[in-house]
Full PDB file with SEQRES, HELIX, SHEET, SSBOND, CRYST1, ORIGX, SCALE, CONECT and MASTER records, all heavy atoms in Angstrom:
SEQRES   1 A   42  ILE ASN ASP MET GLY TRP TYR ARG GLN ALA PRO GLY LYS          
SEQRES   2 A   42  GLU ARG GLU LEU VAL ALA ARG ILE THR SER ASP LEU ILE          
SEQRES   3 A   42  THR ASN TYR ALA GLY SER LEU LYS GLY ARG PHE THR ILE          
SEQRES   4 A   42  SER ARG ASP                                                  
SHEET    1 AA1 3 MET A   4  ARG A   8  0                                        
SHEET    2 AA1 3 GLU A  16  ILE A  21 -1                                        
SHEET    3 AA1 3 THR A  27  TYR A  29 -1                                        
CRYST1    1.000    1.000    1.000  90.00  90.00  90.00 P 1           1          
ORIGX1      1.000000  0.000000  0.000000        0.00000                         
ORIGX2      0.000000  1.000000  0.000000        0.00000                         
ORIGX3      0.000000  0.000000  1.000000        0.00000                         
SCALE1      1.000000  0.000000  0.000000        0.00000                         
SCALE2      0.000000  1.000000  0.000000        0.00000                         
SCALE3      0.000000  0.000000  1.000000        0.00000                         
ATOM      1  N   ILE A   1       0.873  -1.187  -0.006  1.00  0.00           N  
ATOM      2  CA  ILE A   1      -0.027  -0.001  -0.020  1.00  0.00           C  
ATOM      3  C   ILE A   1       0.897   1.225  -0.002  1.00  0.00           C  
ATOM      4  O   ILE A   1       1.773   1.362   0.844  1.00  0.00           O  
ATOM      5  CB  ILE A   1      -0.961   0.030   1.221  1.00  0.00           C  
ATOM      6  CG1 ILE A   1      -1.786  -1.235   1.277  1.00  0.00           C  
ATOM      7  CG2 ILE A   1      -1.830   1.293   1.181  1.00  0.00           C  
ATOM      8  CD1 ILE A   1      -2.684  -1.299   2.493  1.00  0.00           C  
ATOM      9  N   ASN A   2       0.643   2.080  -0.941  1.00  0.00           N  
ATOM     10  CA  ASN A   2       1.387   3.339  -0.974  1.00  0.00           C  
ATOM     11  C   ASN A   2       0.640   4.425  -0.225  1.00  0.00           C  
ATOM     12  O   ASN A   2       0.492   4.309   0.983  1.00  0.00           O  
ATOM     13  CB  ASN A   2       1.630   3.752  -2.472  1.00  0.00           C  
ATOM     14  CG  ASN A   2       2.758   4.767  -2.599  1.00  0.00           C  
ATOM     15  OD1 ASN A   2       3.274   5.266  -1.619  1.00  0.00           O  
ATOM     16  ND2 ASN A   2       3.079   5.107  -3.806  1.00  0.00           N  
ATOM     17  N   ASP A   3       0.149   5.436  -0.890  1.00  0.00           N  
ATOM     18  CA  ASP A   3      -0.556   6.503  -0.187  1.00  0.00           C  
ATOM     19  C   ASP A   3      -1.920   6.035   0.287  1.00  0.00           C  
ATOM     20  O   ASP A   3      -2.589   5.244  -0.344  1.00  0.00           O  
ATOM     21  CB  ASP A   3      -0.733   7.727  -1.082  1.00  0.00           C  
ATOM     22  CG  ASP A   3       0.581   8.380  -1.446  1.00  0.00           C  
ATOM     23  OD1 ASP A   3       1.631   7.937  -0.991  1.00  0.00           O  
ATOM     24  OD2 ASP A   3       0.540   9.417  -2.169  1.00  0.00           O  
ATOM     25  N   MET A   4      -2.360   6.616   1.401  1.00  0.00           N  
ATOM     26  CA  MET A   4      -3.692   6.422   1.917  1.00  0.00           C  
ATOM     27  C   MET A   4      -4.219   7.780   2.309  1.00  0.00           C  
ATOM     28  O   MET A   4      -3.458   8.682   2.629  1.00  0.00           O  
ATOM     29  CB  MET A   4      -3.713   5.489   3.143  1.00  0.00           C  
ATOM     30  CG  MET A   4      -3.107   4.130   2.886  1.00  0.00           C  
ATOM     31  SD  MET A   4      -3.270   2.992   4.292  1.00  0.00           S  
ATOM     32  CE  MET A   4      -4.956   2.422   4.039  1.00  0.00           C  
ATOM     33  N   GLY A   5      -5.520   7.931   2.234  1.00  0.00           N  
ATOM     34  CA  GLY A   5      -6.082   9.230   2.546  1.00  0.00           C  
ATOM     35  C   GLY A   5      -7.548   9.178   2.971  1.00  0.00           C  
ATOM     36  O   GLY A   5      -8.196   8.137   2.874  1.00  0.00           O  
ATOM     37  N   TRP A   6      -8.005  10.313   3.419  1.00  0.00           N  
ATOM     38  CA  TRP A   6      -9.371  10.539   3.757  1.00  0.00           C  
ATOM     39  C   TRP A   6      -9.935  11.685   2.927  1.00  0.00           C  
ATOM     40  O   TRP A   6      -9.294  12.738   2.815  1.00  0.00           O  
ATOM     41  CB  TRP A   6      -9.546  10.826   5.244  1.00  0.00           C  
ATOM     42  CG  TRP A   6      -9.311   9.645   6.124  1.00  0.00           C  
ATOM     43  CD1 TRP A   6      -8.157   9.349   6.763  1.00  0.00           C  
ATOM     44  CD2 TRP A   6     -10.280   8.656   6.439  1.00  0.00           C  
ATOM     45  NE1 TRP A   6      -8.280   8.208   7.471  1.00  0.00           N  
ATOM     46  CE2 TRP A   6      -9.616   7.743   7.315  1.00  0.00           C  
ATOM     47  CE3 TRP A   6     -11.630   8.437   6.163  1.00  0.00           C  
ATOM     48  CZ2 TRP A   6     -10.239   6.624   7.854  1.00  0.00           C  
ATOM     49  CZ3 TRP A   6     -12.222   7.315   6.665  1.00  0.00           C  
ATOM     50  CH2 TRP A   6     -11.544   6.452   7.495  1.00  0.00           C  
ATOM     51  N   TYR A   7     -11.123  11.482   2.394  1.00  0.00           N  
ATOM     52  CA  TYR A   7     -11.828  12.493   1.649  1.00  0.00           C  
ATOM     53  C   TYR A   7     -13.236  12.629   2.216  1.00  0.00           C  
ATOM     54  O   TYR A   7     -13.693  11.730   2.926  1.00  0.00           O  
ATOM     55  CB  TYR A   7     -11.935  12.147   0.170  1.00  0.00           C  
ATOM     56  CG  TYR A   7     -10.583  12.106  -0.537  1.00  0.00           C  
ATOM     57  CD1 TYR A   7      -9.677  11.026  -0.324  1.00  0.00           C  
ATOM     58  CD2 TYR A   7     -10.172  13.128  -1.422  1.00  0.00           C  
ATOM     59  CE1 TYR A   7      -8.470  10.992  -0.961  1.00  0.00           C  
ATOM     60  CE2 TYR A   7      -8.998  13.064  -2.056  1.00  0.00           C  
ATOM     61  CZ  TYR A   7      -8.113  12.020  -1.840  1.00  0.00           C  
ATOM     62  OH  TYR A   7      -6.899  11.966  -2.444  1.00  0.00           O  
ATOM     63  N   ARG A   8     -13.897  13.680   1.921  1.00  0.00           N  
ATOM     64  CA  ARG A   8     -15.250  13.844   2.399  1.00  0.00           C  
ATOM     65  C   ARG A   8     -16.103  14.561   1.363  1.00  0.00           C  
ATOM     66  O   ARG A   8     -15.622  15.287   0.541  1.00  0.00           O  
ATOM     67  CB  ARG A   8     -15.300  14.625   3.723  1.00  0.00           C  
ATOM     68  CG  ARG A   8     -14.927  16.108   3.650  1.00  0.00           C  
ATOM     69  CD  ARG A   8     -14.927  16.737   5.021  1.00  0.00           C  
ATOM     70  NE  ARG A   8     -14.653  18.156   4.938  1.00  0.00           N  
ATOM     71  CZ  ARG A   8     -14.506  18.937   6.012  1.00  0.00           C  
ATOM     72  NH1 ARG A   8     -14.607  18.406   7.224  1.00  0.00           N  
ATOM     73  NH2 ARG A   8     -14.259  20.235   5.888  1.00  0.00           N  
ATOM     74  N   GLN A   9     -17.370  14.303   1.445  1.00  0.00           N  
ATOM     75  CA  GLN A   9     -18.352  14.927   0.551  1.00  0.00           C  
ATOM     76  C   GLN A   9     -19.617  15.274   1.307  1.00  0.00           C  
ATOM     77  O   GLN A   9     -20.265  14.393   1.903  1.00  0.00           O  
ATOM     78  CB  GLN A   9     -18.664  14.021  -0.636  1.00  0.00           C  
ATOM     79  CG  GLN A   9     -19.508  14.672  -1.692  1.00  0.00           C  
ATOM     80  CD  GLN A   9     -19.550  13.926  -2.985  1.00  0.00           C  
ATOM     81  OE1 GLN A   9     -19.296  12.696  -2.989  1.00  0.00           O  
ATOM     82  NE2 GLN A   9     -19.855  14.578  -4.074  1.00  0.00           N  
ATOM     83  N   ALA A  10     -19.952  16.546   1.311  1.00  0.00           N  
ATOM     84  CA  ALA A  10     -21.162  17.010   1.927  1.00  0.00           C  
ATOM     85  C   ALA A  10     -22.222  17.219   0.850  1.00  0.00           C  
ATOM     86  O   ALA A  10     -21.894  17.410  -0.347  1.00  0.00           O  
ATOM     87  CB  ALA A  10     -20.889  18.343   2.680  1.00  0.00           C  
ATOM     88  N   PRO A  11     -23.479  17.176   1.218  1.00  0.00           N  
ATOM     89  CA  PRO A  11     -24.549  17.404   0.217  1.00  0.00           C  
ATOM     90  C   PRO A  11     -24.351  18.712  -0.541  1.00  0.00           C  
ATOM     91  O   PRO A  11     -24.136  19.789   0.084  1.00  0.00           O  
ATOM     92  CB  PRO A  11     -25.826  17.460   1.087  1.00  0.00           C  
ATOM     93  CG  PRO A  11     -25.472  16.630   2.283  1.00  0.00           C  
ATOM     94  CD  PRO A  11     -24.047  16.921   2.550  1.00  0.00           C  
ATOM     95  N   GLY A  12     -24.449  18.640  -1.840  1.00  0.00           N  
ATOM     96  CA  GLY A  12     -24.316  19.831  -2.679  1.00  0.00           C  
ATOM     97  C   GLY A  12     -22.927  20.297  -2.909  1.00  0.00           C  
ATOM     98  O   GLY A  12     -22.696  21.308  -3.546  1.00  0.00           O  
ATOM     99  N   LYS A  13     -21.926  19.546  -2.422  1.00  0.00           N  
ATOM    100  CA  LYS A  13     -20.544  19.967  -2.582  1.00  0.00           C  
ATOM    101  C   LYS A  13     -19.725  18.869  -3.286  1.00  0.00           C  
ATOM    102  O   LYS A  13     -20.113  17.683  -3.306  1.00  0.00           O  
ATOM    103  CB  LYS A  13     -19.909  20.281  -1.221  1.00  0.00           C  
ATOM    104  CG  LYS A  13     -20.543  21.490  -0.523  1.00  0.00           C  
ATOM    105  CD  LYS A  13     -19.751  21.834   0.750  1.00  0.00           C  
ATOM    106  CE  LYS A  13     -20.287  23.068   1.409  1.00  0.00           C  
ATOM    107  NZ  LYS A  13     -19.537  23.411   2.627  1.00  0.00           N  
ATOM    108  N   GLU A  14     -18.608  19.271  -3.803  1.00  0.00           N  
ATOM    109  CA  GLU A  14     -17.688  18.323  -4.379  1.00  0.00           C  
ATOM    110  C   GLU A  14     -16.932  17.534  -3.325  1.00  0.00           C  
ATOM    111  O   GLU A  14     -16.745  18.012  -2.226  1.00  0.00           O  
ATOM    112  CB  GLU A  14     -16.647  19.029  -5.275  1.00  0.00           C  
ATOM    113  CG  GLU A  14     -17.248  19.783  -6.476  1.00  0.00           C  
ATOM    114  CD  GLU A  14     -17.727  18.869  -7.535  1.00  0.00           C  
ATOM    115  OE1 GLU A  14     -17.167  17.767  -7.683  1.00  0.00           O  
ATOM    116  OE2 GLU A  14     -18.672  19.221  -8.258  1.00  0.00           O  
ATOM    117  N   ARG A  15     -16.527  16.346  -3.679  1.00  0.00           N  
ATOM    118  CA  ARG A  15     -15.707  15.569  -2.762  1.00  0.00           C  
ATOM    119  C   ARG A  15     -14.343  16.290  -2.636  1.00  0.00           C  
ATOM    120  O   ARG A  15     -13.723  16.721  -3.633  1.00  0.00           O  
ATOM    121  CB  ARG A  15     -15.461  14.190  -3.297  1.00  0.00           C  
ATOM    122  CG  ARG A  15     -14.709  13.263  -2.384  1.00  0.00           C  
ATOM    123  CD  ARG A  15     -14.686  11.849  -2.869  1.00  0.00           C  
ATOM    124  NE  ARG A  15     -14.091  11.734  -4.203  1.00  0.00           N  
ATOM    125  CZ  ARG A  15     -14.122  10.652  -4.974  1.00  0.00           C  
ATOM    126  NH1 ARG A  15     -14.717   9.541  -4.516  1.00  0.00           N  
ATOM    127  NH2 ARG A  15     -13.558  10.646  -6.142  1.00  0.00           N  
ATOM    128  N   GLU A  16     -13.859  16.386  -1.414  1.00  0.00           N  
ATOM    129  CA  GLU A  16     -12.644  17.127  -1.188  1.00  0.00           C  
ATOM    130  C   GLU A  16     -11.661  16.309  -0.327  1.00  0.00           C  
ATOM    131  O   GLU A  16     -12.077  15.461   0.461  1.00  0.00           O  
ATOM    132  CB  GLU A  16     -12.938  18.469  -0.454  1.00  0.00           C  
ATOM    133  CG  GLU A  16     -13.570  18.305   0.900  1.00  0.00           C  
ATOM    134  CD  GLU A  16     -13.755  19.639   1.589  1.00  0.00           C  
ATOM    135  OE1 GLU A  16     -13.338  20.673   1.095  1.00  0.00           O  
ATOM    136  OE2 GLU A  16     -14.395  19.611   2.717  1.00  0.00           O  
ATOM    137  N   LEU A  17     -10.413  16.620  -0.539  1.00  0.00           N  
ATOM    138  CA  LEU A  17      -9.373  15.985   0.270  1.00  0.00           C  
ATOM    139  C   LEU A  17      -9.450  16.494   1.686  1.00  0.00           C  
ATOM    140  O   LEU A  17      -9.587  17.673   1.965  1.00  0.00           O  
ATOM    141  CB  LEU A  17      -8.020  16.344  -0.323  1.00  0.00           C  
ATOM    142  CG  LEU A  17      -6.776  15.912   0.533  1.00  0.00           C  
ATOM    143  CD1 LEU A  17      -6.650  14.417   0.586  1.00  0.00           C  
ATOM    144  CD2 LEU A  17      -5.518  16.595   0.016  1.00  0.00           C  
ATOM    145  N   VAL A  18      -9.369  15.570   2.643  1.00  0.00           N  
ATOM    146  CA  VAL A  18      -9.232  15.915   4.050  1.00  0.00           C  
ATOM    147  C   VAL A  18      -7.777  15.796   4.474  1.00  0.00           C  
ATOM    148  O   VAL A  18      -7.205  16.723   5.049  1.00  0.00           O  
ATOM    149  CB  VAL A  18     -10.118  15.023   4.918  1.00  0.00           C  
ATOM    150  CG1 VAL A  18      -9.904  15.315   6.381  1.00  0.00           C  
ATOM    151  CG2 VAL A  18     -11.602  15.225   4.562  1.00  0.00           C  
ATOM    152  N   ALA A  19      -7.192  14.631   4.243  1.00  0.00           N  
ATOM    153  CA  ALA A  19      -5.829  14.380   4.623  1.00  0.00           C  
ATOM    154  C   ALA A  19      -5.291  13.232   3.843  1.00  0.00           C  
ATOM    155  O   ALA A  19      -6.035  12.342   3.376  1.00  0.00           O  
ATOM    156  CB  ALA A  19      -5.739  14.121   6.106  1.00  0.00           C  
ATOM    157  N   ARG A  20      -3.978  13.191   3.695  1.00  0.00           N  
ATOM    158  CA  ARG A  20      -3.338  12.091   2.997  1.00  0.00           C  
ATOM    159  C   ARG A  20      -2.022  11.769   3.675  1.00  0.00           C  
ATOM    160  O   ARG A  20      -1.383  12.657   4.206  1.00  0.00           O  
ATOM    161  CB  ARG A  20      -3.128  12.453   1.514  1.00  0.00           C  
ATOM    162  CG  ARG A  20      -2.865  11.260   0.625  1.00  0.00           C  
ATOM    163  CD  ARG A  20      -3.312  11.494  -0.790  1.00  0.00           C  
ATOM    164  NE  ARG A  20      -3.116  10.338  -1.600  1.00  0.00           N  
ATOM    165  CZ  ARG A  20      -4.004   9.317  -1.671  1.00  0.00           C  
ATOM    166  NH1 ARG A  20      -5.130   9.383  -1.010  1.00  0.00           N  
ATOM    167  NH2 ARG A  20      -3.758   8.287  -2.446  1.00  0.00           N  
ATOM    168  N   ILE A  21      -1.645  10.528   3.626  1.00  0.00           N  
ATOM    169  CA  ILE A  21      -0.398  10.085   4.281  1.00  0.00           C  
ATOM    170  C   ILE A  21       0.294   9.033   3.382  1.00  0.00           C  
ATOM    171  O   ILE A  21      -0.352   8.147   2.843  1.00  0.00           O  
ATOM    172  CB  ILE A  21      -0.705   9.501   5.669  1.00  0.00           C  
ATOM    173  CG1 ILE A  21       0.589   9.127   6.404  1.00  0.00           C  
ATOM    174  CG2 ILE A  21      -1.660   8.332   5.600  1.00  0.00           C  
ATOM    175  CD1 ILE A  21       0.407   8.846   7.887  1.00  0.00           C  
ATOM    176  N   THR A  22       1.582   9.249   3.229  1.00  0.00           N  
ATOM    177  CA  THR A  22       2.350   8.294   2.396  1.00  0.00           C  
ATOM    178  C   THR A  22       2.817   7.125   3.235  1.00  0.00           C  
ATOM    179  O   THR A  22       2.644   7.065   4.455  1.00  0.00           O  
ATOM    180  CB  THR A  22       3.606   9.016   1.819  1.00  0.00           C  
ATOM    181  OG1 THR A  22       4.522   9.331   2.857  1.00  0.00           O  
ATOM    182  CG2 THR A  22       3.183  10.312   1.065  1.00  0.00           C  
ATOM    183  N   SER A  23       3.380   6.148   2.539  1.00  0.00           N  
ATOM    184  CA  SER A  23       3.835   4.944   3.229  1.00  0.00           C  
ATOM    185  C   SER A  23       4.976   5.237   4.221  1.00  0.00           C  
ATOM    186  O   SER A  23       5.156   4.468   5.185  1.00  0.00           O  
ATOM    187  CB  SER A  23       4.304   3.886   2.248  1.00  0.00           C  
ATOM    188  OG  SER A  23       5.354   4.357   1.436  1.00  0.00           O  
ATOM    189  N   ASP A  24       5.685   6.328   4.017  1.00  0.00           N  
ATOM    190  CA  ASP A  24       6.730   6.715   4.935  1.00  0.00           C  
ATOM    191  C   ASP A  24       6.297   7.875   5.845  1.00  0.00           C  
ATOM    192  O   ASP A  24       7.153   8.559   6.429  1.00  0.00           O  
ATOM    193  CB  ASP A  24       8.052   7.060   4.231  1.00  0.00           C  
ATOM    194  CG  ASP A  24       7.911   8.164   3.179  1.00  0.00           C  
ATOM    195  OD1 ASP A  24       6.732   8.505   2.852  1.00  0.00           O  
ATOM    196  OD2 ASP A  24       8.904   8.629   2.689  1.00  0.00           O  
ATOM    197  N   LEU A  25       4.996   8.015   5.997  1.00  0.00           N  
ATOM    198  CA  LEU A  25       4.366   8.811   7.029  1.00  0.00           C  
ATOM    199  C   LEU A  25       4.447  10.353   6.776  1.00  0.00           C  
ATOM    200  O   LEU A  25       4.313  11.147   7.695  1.00  0.00           O  
ATOM    201  CB  LEU A  25       4.941   8.512   8.417  1.00  0.00           C  
ATOM    202  CG  LEU A  25       4.910   7.034   8.798  1.00  0.00           C  
ATOM    203  CD1 LEU A  25       5.389   6.841  10.220  1.00  0.00           C  
ATOM    204  CD2 LEU A  25       3.486   6.441   8.634  1.00  0.00           C  
ATOM    205  N   ILE A  26       4.638  10.735   5.534  1.00  0.00           N  
ATOM    206  CA  ILE A  26       4.532  12.131   5.176  1.00  0.00           C  
ATOM    207  C   ILE A  26       3.038  12.463   5.005  1.00  0.00           C  
ATOM    208  O   ILE A  26       2.330  11.772   4.325  1.00  0.00           O  
ATOM    209  CB  ILE A  26       5.290  12.455   3.914  1.00  0.00           C  
ATOM    210  CG1 ILE A  26       6.786  12.165   4.090  1.00  0.00           C  
ATOM    211  CG2 ILE A  26       5.103  13.919   3.516  1.00  0.00           C  
ATOM    212  CD1 ILE A  26       7.622  12.285   2.826  1.00  0.00           C  
ATOM    213  N   THR A  27       2.607  13.543   5.644  1.00  0.00           N  
ATOM    214  CA  THR A  27       1.197  13.880   5.673  1.00  0.00           C  
ATOM    215  C   THR A  27       0.969  15.248   5.000  1.00  0.00           C  
ATOM    216  O   THR A  27       1.817  16.100   4.950  1.00  0.00           O  
ATOM    217  CB  THR A  27       0.639  13.948   7.073  1.00  0.00           C  
ATOM    218  OG1 THR A  27       1.389  14.931   7.831  1.00  0.00           O  
ATOM    219  CG2 THR A  27       0.821  12.608   7.775  1.00  0.00           C  
ATOM    220  N   ASN A  28      -0.252  15.379   4.513  1.00  0.00           N  
ATOM    221  CA  ASN A  28      -0.736  16.678   4.079  1.00  0.00           C  
ATOM    222  C   ASN A  28      -2.216  16.815   4.401  1.00  0.00           C  
ATOM    223  O   ASN A  28      -2.935  15.801   4.369  1.00  0.00           O  
ATOM    224  CB  ASN A  28      -0.437  16.955   2.619  1.00  0.00           C  
ATOM    225  CG  ASN A  28      -1.277  16.143   1.673  1.00  0.00           C  
ATOM    226  OD1 ASN A  28      -1.087  14.946   1.517  1.00  0.00           O  
ATOM    227  ND2 ASN A  28      -2.211  16.828   1.004  1.00  0.00           N  
ATOM    228  N   TYR A  29      -2.666  17.995   4.633  1.00  0.00           N  
ATOM    229  CA  TYR A  29      -4.025  18.260   5.059  1.00  0.00           C  
ATOM    230  C   TYR A  29      -4.645  19.405   4.286  1.00  0.00           C  
ATOM    231  O   TYR A  29      -3.933  20.260   3.776  1.00  0.00           O  
ATOM    232  CB  TYR A  29      -4.064  18.646   6.557  1.00  0.00           C  
ATOM    233  CG  TYR A  29      -3.592  17.592   7.507  1.00  0.00           C  
ATOM    234  CD1 TYR A  29      -2.250  17.510   7.822  1.00  0.00           C  
ATOM    235  CD2 TYR A  29      -4.429  16.724   8.111  1.00  0.00           C  
ATOM    236  CE1 TYR A  29      -1.750  16.568   8.699  1.00  0.00           C  
ATOM    237  CE2 TYR A  29      -3.975  15.747   9.028  1.00  0.00           C  
ATOM    238  CZ  TYR A  29      -2.613  15.664   9.277  1.00  0.00           C  
ATOM    239  OH  TYR A  29      -2.181  14.737  10.169  1.00  0.00           O  
ATOM    240  N   ALA A  30      -5.982  19.387   4.210  1.00  0.00           N  
ATOM    241  CA  ALA A  30      -6.651  20.586   3.783  1.00  0.00           C  
ATOM    242  C   ALA A  30      -6.264  21.685   4.772  1.00  0.00           C  
ATOM    243  O   ALA A  30      -6.238  21.477   5.978  1.00  0.00           O  
ATOM    244  CB  ALA A  30      -8.126  20.413   3.762  1.00  0.00           C  
ATOM    245  N   GLY A  31      -5.938  22.870   4.253  1.00  0.00           N  
ATOM    246  CA  GLY A  31      -5.410  23.926   5.083  1.00  0.00           C  
ATOM    247  C   GLY A  31      -6.223  24.267   6.317  1.00  0.00           C  
ATOM    248  O   GLY A  31      -5.665  24.534   7.388  1.00  0.00           O  
ATOM    249  N   SER A  32      -7.539  24.302   6.191  1.00  0.00           N  
ATOM    250  CA  SER A  32      -8.379  24.660   7.298  1.00  0.00           C  
ATOM    251  C   SER A  32      -8.510  23.603   8.338  1.00  0.00           C  
ATOM    252  O   SER A  32      -9.026  23.857   9.460  1.00  0.00           O  
ATOM    253  CB  SER A  32      -9.770  25.075   6.790  1.00  0.00           C  
ATOM    254  OG  SER A  32     -10.384  23.968   6.164  1.00  0.00           O  
ATOM    255  N   LEU A  33      -8.072  22.410   8.056  1.00  0.00           N  
ATOM    256  CA  LEU A  33      -8.266  21.276   8.951  1.00  0.00           C  
ATOM    257  C   LEU A  33      -7.017  20.916   9.775  1.00  0.00           C  
ATOM    258  O   LEU A  33      -7.165  20.255  10.799  1.00  0.00           O  
ATOM    259  CB  LEU A  33      -8.714  20.053   8.189  1.00  0.00           C  
ATOM    260  CG  LEU A  33     -10.017  20.199   7.389  1.00  0.00           C  
ATOM    261  CD1 LEU A  33     -10.369  18.896   6.679  1.00  0.00           C  
ATOM    262  CD2 LEU A  33     -11.158  20.615   8.329  1.00  0.00           C  
ATOM    263  N   LYS A  34      -5.896  21.348   9.352  1.00  0.00           N  
ATOM    264  CA  LYS A  34      -4.663  21.008  10.081  1.00  0.00           C  
ATOM    265  C   LYS A  34      -4.737  21.617  11.458  1.00  0.00           C  
ATOM    266  O   LYS A  34      -5.023  22.792  11.637  1.00  0.00           O  
ATOM    267  CB  LYS A  34      -3.419  21.538   9.320  1.00  0.00           C  
ATOM    268  CG  LYS A  34      -2.151  21.037   9.897  1.00  0.00           C  
ATOM    269  CD  LYS A  34      -0.937  21.418   9.042  1.00  0.00           C  
ATOM    270  CE  LYS A  34       0.358  20.858   9.563  1.00  0.00           C  
ATOM    271  NZ  LYS A  34       1.514  21.228   8.692  1.00  0.00           N  
ATOM    272  N   GLY A  35      -4.448  20.813  12.460  1.00  0.00           N  
ATOM    273  CA  GLY A  35      -4.542  21.215  13.822  1.00  0.00           C  
ATOM    274  C   GLY A  35      -5.733  20.613  14.526  1.00  0.00           C  
ATOM    275  O   GLY A  35      -5.694  20.401  15.755  1.00  0.00           O  
ATOM    276  N   ARG A  36      -6.810  20.344  13.810  1.00  0.00           N  
ATOM    277  CA  ARG A  36      -7.970  19.677  14.340  1.00  0.00           C  
ATOM    278  C   ARG A  36      -8.024  18.190  13.978  1.00  0.00           C  
ATOM    279  O   ARG A  36      -8.468  17.380  14.745  1.00  0.00           O  
ATOM    280  CB  ARG A  36      -9.262  20.339  13.862  1.00  0.00           C  
ATOM    281  CG  ARG A  36      -9.447  21.743  14.408  1.00  0.00           C  
ATOM    282  CD  ARG A  36     -10.920  22.178  14.234  1.00  0.00           C  
ATOM    283  NE  ARG A  36     -11.311  22.228  12.823  1.00  0.00           N  
ATOM    284  CZ  ARG A  36     -12.313  21.508  12.294  1.00  0.00           C  
ATOM    285  NH1 ARG A  36     -13.045  20.682  13.074  1.00  0.00           N  
ATOM    286  NH2 ARG A  36     -12.648  21.608  11.022  1.00  0.00           N  
ATOM    287  N   PHE A  37      -7.574  17.903  12.739  1.00  0.00           N  
ATOM    288  CA  PHE A  37      -7.583  16.520  12.253  1.00  0.00           C  
ATOM    289  C   PHE A  37      -6.205  15.997  12.173  1.00  0.00           C  
ATOM    290  O   PHE A  37      -5.232  16.732  11.801  1.00  0.00           O  
ATOM    291  CB  PHE A  37      -8.222  16.485  10.819  1.00  0.00           C  
ATOM    292  CG  PHE A  37      -9.698  16.732  10.794  1.00  0.00           C  
ATOM    293  CD1 PHE A  37     -10.390  17.251  11.854  1.00  0.00           C  
ATOM    294  CD2 PHE A  37     -10.392  16.408   9.615  1.00  0.00           C  
ATOM    295  CE1 PHE A  37     -11.763  17.488  11.815  1.00  0.00           C  
ATOM    296  CE2 PHE A  37     -11.766  16.602   9.539  1.00  0.00           C  
ATOM    297  CZ  PHE A  37     -12.467  17.146  10.625  1.00  0.00           C  
ATOM    298  N   THR A  38      -6.068  14.727  12.467  1.00  0.00           N  
ATOM    299  CA  THR A  38      -4.772  14.082  12.399  1.00  0.00           C  
ATOM    300  C   THR A  38      -4.897  12.708  11.723  1.00  0.00           C  
ATOM    301  O   THR A  38      -5.670  11.887  12.185  1.00  0.00           O  
ATOM    302  CB  THR A  38      -4.127  13.857  13.789  1.00  0.00           C  
ATOM    303  OG1 THR A  38      -4.008  15.106  14.482  1.00  0.00           O  
ATOM    304  CG2 THR A  38      -2.741  13.212  13.690  1.00  0.00           C  
ATOM    305  N   ILE A  39      -4.151  12.513  10.675  1.00  0.00           N  
ATOM    306  CA  ILE A  39      -4.187  11.246   9.960  1.00  0.00           C  
ATOM    307  C   ILE A  39      -2.979  10.410  10.414  1.00  0.00           C  
ATOM    308  O   ILE A  39      -1.909  10.974  10.661  1.00  0.00           O  
ATOM    309  CB  ILE A  39      -4.187  11.420   8.446  1.00  0.00           C  
ATOM    310  CG1 ILE A  39      -4.406  10.080   7.735  1.00  0.00           C  
ATOM    311  CG2 ILE A  39      -2.897  12.103   7.983  1.00  0.00           C  
ATOM    312  CD1 ILE A  39      -4.657  10.254   6.218  1.00  0.00           C  
ATOM    313  N   SER A  40      -3.164   9.122  10.526  1.00  0.00           N  
ATOM    314  CA  SER A  40      -2.117   8.241  10.920  1.00  0.00           C  
ATOM    315  C   SER A  40      -2.363   6.869  10.274  1.00  0.00           C  
ATOM    316  O   SER A  40      -3.436   6.605   9.718  1.00  0.00           O  
ATOM    317  CB  SER A  40      -1.977   8.081  12.428  1.00  0.00           C  
ATOM    318  OG  SER A  40      -3.180   7.523  12.993  1.00  0.00           O  
ATOM    319  N   ARG A  41      -1.363   6.013  10.281  1.00  0.00           N  
ATOM    320  CA  ARG A  41      -1.534   4.689   9.691  1.00  0.00           C  
ATOM    321  C   ARG A  41      -0.714   3.668  10.438  1.00  0.00           C  
ATOM    322  O   ARG A  41       0.292   3.986  11.112  1.00  0.00           O  
ATOM    323  CB  ARG A  41      -1.185   4.706   8.198  1.00  0.00           C  
ATOM    324  CG  ARG A  41       0.291   4.995   7.905  1.00  0.00           C  
ATOM    325  CD  ARG A  41       0.523   5.217   6.419  1.00  0.00           C  
ATOM    326  NE  ARG A  41       0.437   3.986   5.677  1.00  0.00           N  
ATOM    327  CZ  ARG A  41       0.414   3.893   4.317  1.00  0.00           C  
ATOM    328  NH1 ARG A  41       0.450   5.015   3.624  1.00  0.00           N  
ATOM    329  NH2 ARG A  41       0.336   2.723   3.751  1.00  0.00           N  
ATOM    330  N   ASP A  42      -1.126   2.442  10.264  1.00  0.00           N  
ATOM    331  CA  ASP A  42      -0.426   1.289  10.816  1.00  0.00           C  
ATOM    332  C   ASP A  42      -0.120   0.389   9.637  1.00  0.00           C  
ATOM    333  O   ASP A  42      -1.023  -0.352   9.179  1.00  0.00           O  
ATOM    334  CB  ASP A  42      -1.242   0.591  11.897  1.00  0.00           C  
ATOM    335  CG  ASP A  42      -0.465  -0.535  12.577  1.00  0.00           C  
ATOM    336  OD1 ASP A  42       0.445  -1.096  11.971  1.00  0.00           O  
ATOM    337  OD2 ASP A  42      -0.799  -0.838  13.770  1.00  0.00           O  
TER     338      ASP A  42                                                      
MASTER        0    0    0    0    3    0    0    6  337    1    0    4          
END                                                                             
């Protein structure tokens, strides 16, 4: 498994990236969510 991520879609809106994490644990977040949301993997 390489990258893994979370996306979300609200009614009437496009699906958007929430967070993504690479196999070596590099993460990126939607700008407004960093600090509240944390992605991790095992």
